[in-house]
């Protein structure tokens, strides 16, 4: 399934579920994104904001377990 061609509303969070690859530019390089007001709510579900290094698109993915 090619999700890059789907129209996703800008106000809804975009998620990277299984493959940690940007659907827009196919990059695998991400960094932690700045905090937004929904991040604390999504943080309760272990979702963390990340930003693609190449195209700057913002996504969420599940946080790694703390050791």
Protein backbone atom coordinates (compact mmCIF):
# COMPACT_ATOMS: atom_id res chain seq x y z
CA UNK A 1 0.00 0.00 0.00
CA UNK A 2 1.40 3.36 -1.01
CA UNK A 3 0.44 5.85 1.68
CA UNK A 4 2.41 8.70 0.11
CA UNK A 5 -0.40 9.27 -2.38
CA UNK A 6 -3.13 9.50 0.25
CA UNK A 7 -4.51 12.88 1.24
CA UNK A 8 -4.18 13.15 5.01
CA UNK A 9 -5.74 16.12 6.84
CA UNK A 10 -3.01 18.43 8.13
CA UNK A 11 -4.52 18.74 11.61
CA UNK A 12 -4.51 15.00 12.32
CA UNK A 13 -1.31 13.31 13.53
CA UNK A 14 0.43 11.02 11.06
CA UNK A 15 1.80 7.76 12.36
CA UNK A 16 4.63 5.44 11.38
CA UNK A 17 3.47 2.07 12.62
CA UNK A 18 5.77 -0.71 11.51
CA UNK A 19 8.32 0.62 9.06
CA UNK A 20 10.22 3.61 10.30
CA UNK A 21 10.53 5.10 6.85
CA UNK A 22 9.12 8.43 5.72
CA UNK A 23 6.23 7.83 3.30
CA UNK A 24 6.98 11.11 1.52
CA UNK A 25 10.71 10.85 0.85
CA UNK A 26 11.58 7.27 1.94
CA UNK A 27 14.18 8.51 4.42
CA UNK A 28 15.01 6.47 7.50
CA UNK A 29 16.61 9.37 9.39
CA UNK A 30 14.46 11.02 12.07
CA UNK A 31 15.00 13.31 15.03
CA UNK A 32 12.79 14.19 17.98
CA UNK A 33 10.23 16.85 17.08
CA UNK A 34 9.17 19.91 19.04
CA UNK A 35 6.28 19.55 21.48
CA UNK A 36 2.70 20.36 20.49
CA UNK A 37 -0.44 20.41 22.62
CA UNK A 38 -1.54 16.88 21.56
CA UNK A 39 1.82 15.34 22.43
CA UNK A 40 1.05 14.97 26.13
CA UNK A 41 -2.18 13.12 25.33
CA UNK A 42 -0.51 10.86 22.77
CA UNK A 43 2.37 10.33 25.20
CA UNK A 44 0.01 8.39 27.45
CA UNK A 45 -0.17 5.84 24.62
CA UNK A 46 3.66 5.75 24.30
CA UNK A 47 3.61 7.74 21.06
CA UNK A 48 6.49 10.15 20.53
CA UNK A 49 6.76 12.94 17.92
CA UNK A 50 9.56 12.67 15.39
CA UNK A 51 10.51 14.71 12.35
CA UNK A 52 12.03 13.47 9.11
CA UNK A 53 15.51 14.93 8.64
CA UNK A 54 15.16 15.23 4.85
CA UNK A 55 11.65 16.58 4.22
CA UNK A 56 10.78 17.86 7.75
CA UNK A 57 7.41 16.05 7.81
CA UNK A 58 6.22 15.35 11.37
CA UNK A 59 5.13 11.85 12.48
CA UNK A 60 4.49 9.83 15.62
CA UNK A 61 5.83 6.40 16.48
CA UNK A 62 5.81 4.14 19.49
CA UNK A 63 8.51 4.91 22.04
CA UNK A 64 11.15 2.35 22.83
CA UNK A 65 10.93 0.75 26.25
CA UNK A 66 12.88 2.35 29.06
CA UNK A 67 15.62 0.16 30.55
